[in-house]
Amino acid sequence: MRIMCIGDVVGSVGCEFLRQRLPRFKQQQQIDFVICNGENSADGNGITPRSAEHLFTSGVDFITLGNHSFRRKEVYPYLDEHPHIIRPANYPTSATPGCGWAVVDMGFTSIGVINLMGQQFMDANLDNPFIRADQILKELDAKIILVDFHAEATSEKRAMGFYLDGRVSAVFGTHTHVLTGDAQVLPEGTGYITDVGMTGVIDSILGVKKEIILRRFTTQLPERFDLARGNCKLNCVVFDIDRNSGKCTAAQSYELI
């Protein structure tokens, strides 16, 4: 089984580029299931029902989120109602909108998807993601399990990969918007990549206009982020997973332009 995981989609420009590139790539690569991080898919940050539906109608099967999950209040009811979108599972209260993991019945198999967020350098009060992963895996009943670990520190992401090695099918990092070159299969059969990158404007800083970020770093003053425009890229990783064992047999990253 081939599962494609797409890096953070940035704004309407990223959404439109995904719609242009995804269908053909799915057909060429014989992709069975697509997971996409959509926490930046709305212009101005966050996700809205409209941007989520755009991703779904473009060929995405499942959406994961991150630290911008709740920037747009209009998405709160959507998170509670839609079964194929989840937010990080280690928010510390049951009052948080949405769910942190789900199981998708594919007929011939079931796919479990878990969303977790790191604690290092993240501006959020979160439960320990390693302990939360253990708790979820005791409840989750699926042969194939994918984990989106939305985190800043590469060491924390790498640690999560080895922590879950042999217990899940794949762990893919999101949040930093830069595709890393370490797509691999870990020793116990778990696919892994530190960060799957982003889908958005190439000539930008993480999808935002360069001059805005440069002013922020040089003046130390707050800036309102404005998304860049121009030629785009789509970063992703494809995991080949054995249906019977749930083990990953190959991991390959791609950059579509």
Foldseek 3Di string as FASTA:
>chain_A
DKEKEWAEQAEPQLLVVLLVPVPVVCVVVVHDAYEYEHQRHHFQTGDAPVSVVSNVVSPHQAYEYEPSHPVDVNCQVVQQPDQRYAYAAFQPDPPRGHHQKHWDCPPVFIEIEGEHEDDPPRPHDTDHRLVVVVVVLVPDDGQAYEYEYEYDDLVVQVVSCVSCQLPHAEYEYHHQQDFDDDFDADPNFHTYGSHQHYWEDPCDRSQWHNVQVVCCVVVVDDDRTGGDDDDIKIKMKMWDADRPRNGTDGIDIDIGD
